[in-house]
Amino acid sequence: EAATAGVKMLCFPENFSFVGARDGESLEVAQSLDGPVMQGYQSLAR
């Protein structure tokens, strides 16, 4: 459906950039929604 609509990149929010090796590790390295990872994706989306 996304390809038919012309989507070139699709990201899912569930641990899309890091899945920790142990419980809680993802929270230790988490960034805010306006952090560098999200800013990079926002630039790509433009």
C-alpha atoms as a PDB file:
ATOM      1  CA  GLU A   1       0.000   0.000   0.000  1.00  0.00           C
ATOM      2  CA  ALA A   2       2.790   2.432   0.881  1.00  0.00           C
ATOM      3  CA  ALA A   3       4.709   1.634  -2.324  1.00  0.00           C
ATOM      4  CA  THR A   4       1.557   2.199  -4.370  1.00  0.00           C
ATOM      5  CA  ALA A   5       1.229   5.608  -2.700  1.00  0.00           C
ATOM      6  CA  GLY A   6       4.808   6.479  -3.740  1.00  0.00           C
ATOM      7  CA  VAL A   7       6.391   6.184  -0.301  1.00  0.00           C
ATOM      8  CA  LYS A   8      10.188   5.969  -0.509  1.00  0.00           C
ATOM      9  CA  MET A   9      10.935   5.382   3.171  1.00  0.00           C
ATOM     10  CA  LEU A  10       8.750   3.964   5.941  1.00  0.00           C
ATOM     11  CA  CYS A  11       9.829   3.886   9.602  1.00  0.00           C
ATOM     12  CA  PHE A  12       8.103   2.077  12.409  1.00  0.00           C
ATOM     13  CA  PRO A  13       8.481   3.585  15.902  1.00  0.00           C
ATOM     14  CA  GLU A  14       8.965   0.372  17.873  1.00  0.00           C
ATOM     15  CA  ASN A  15      12.711   0.215  18.617  1.00  0.00           C
ATOM     16  CA  PHE A  16      13.484   1.147  15.040  1.00  0.00           C
ATOM     17  CA  SER A  17      17.034   2.325  15.664  1.00  0.00           C
ATOM     18  CA  PHE A  18      18.167   0.327  18.705  1.00  0.00           C
ATOM     19  CA  VAL A  19      17.115  -2.781  20.564  1.00  0.00           C
ATOM     20  CA  GLY A  20      19.096  -3.152  23.779  1.00  0.00           C
ATOM     21  CA  ALA A  21      20.995  -6.281  24.690  1.00  0.00           C
ATOM     22  CA  ARG A  22      19.559  -6.226  28.223  1.00  0.00           C
ATOM     23  CA  ASP A  23      16.437  -4.898  29.936  1.00  0.00           C
ATOM     24  CA  GLY A  24      16.457  -1.123  30.324  1.00  0.00           C
ATOM     25  CA  GLU A  25      19.395  -0.523  27.978  1.00  0.00           C
ATOM     26  CA  SER A  26      17.167   1.196  25.417  1.00  0.00           C
ATOM     27  CA  LEU A  27      16.063   3.712  28.047  1.00  0.00           C
ATOM     28  CA  GLU A  28      19.676   4.444  29.027  1.00  0.00           C
ATOM     29  CA  VAL A  29      20.551   5.623  25.514  1.00  0.00           C
ATOM     30  CA  ALA A  30      17.156   7.074  24.552  1.00  0.00           C
ATOM     31  CA  GLN A  31      17.018  10.493  22.913  1.00  0.00           C
ATOM     32  CA  SER A  32      14.265  13.073  23.028  1.00  0.00           C
ATOM     33  CA  LEU A  33      11.903  13.479  20.078  1.00  0.00           C
ATOM     34  CA  ASP A  34      13.885  16.536  18.982  1.00  0.00           C
ATOM     35  CA  GLY A  35      17.257  14.759  19.310  1.00  0.00           C
ATOM     36  CA  PRO A  36      19.776  14.113  16.530  1.00  0.00           C
ATOM     37  CA  VAL A  37      18.270  10.816  15.316  1.00  0.00           C
ATOM     38  CA  MET A  38      14.810  12.294  14.811  1.00  0.00           C
ATOM     39  CA  GLN A  39      16.255  15.469  13.278  1.00  0.00           C
ATOM     40  CA  GLY A  40      18.074  13.301  10.748  1.00  0.00           C
ATOM     41  CA  TYR A  41      14.879  11.458   9.824  1.00  0.00           C
ATOM     42  CA  GLN A  42      13.009  14.760   9.572  1.00  0.00           C
ATOM     43  CA  SER A  43      15.623  16.031   7.120  1.00  0.00           C
ATOM     44  CA  LEU A  44      15.299  12.872   5.026  1.00  0.00           C
ATOM     45  CA  ALA A  45      11.517  13.249   4.969  1.00  0.00           C
ATOM     46  CA  ARG A  46      11.688  16.756   3.545  1.00  0.00           C
END
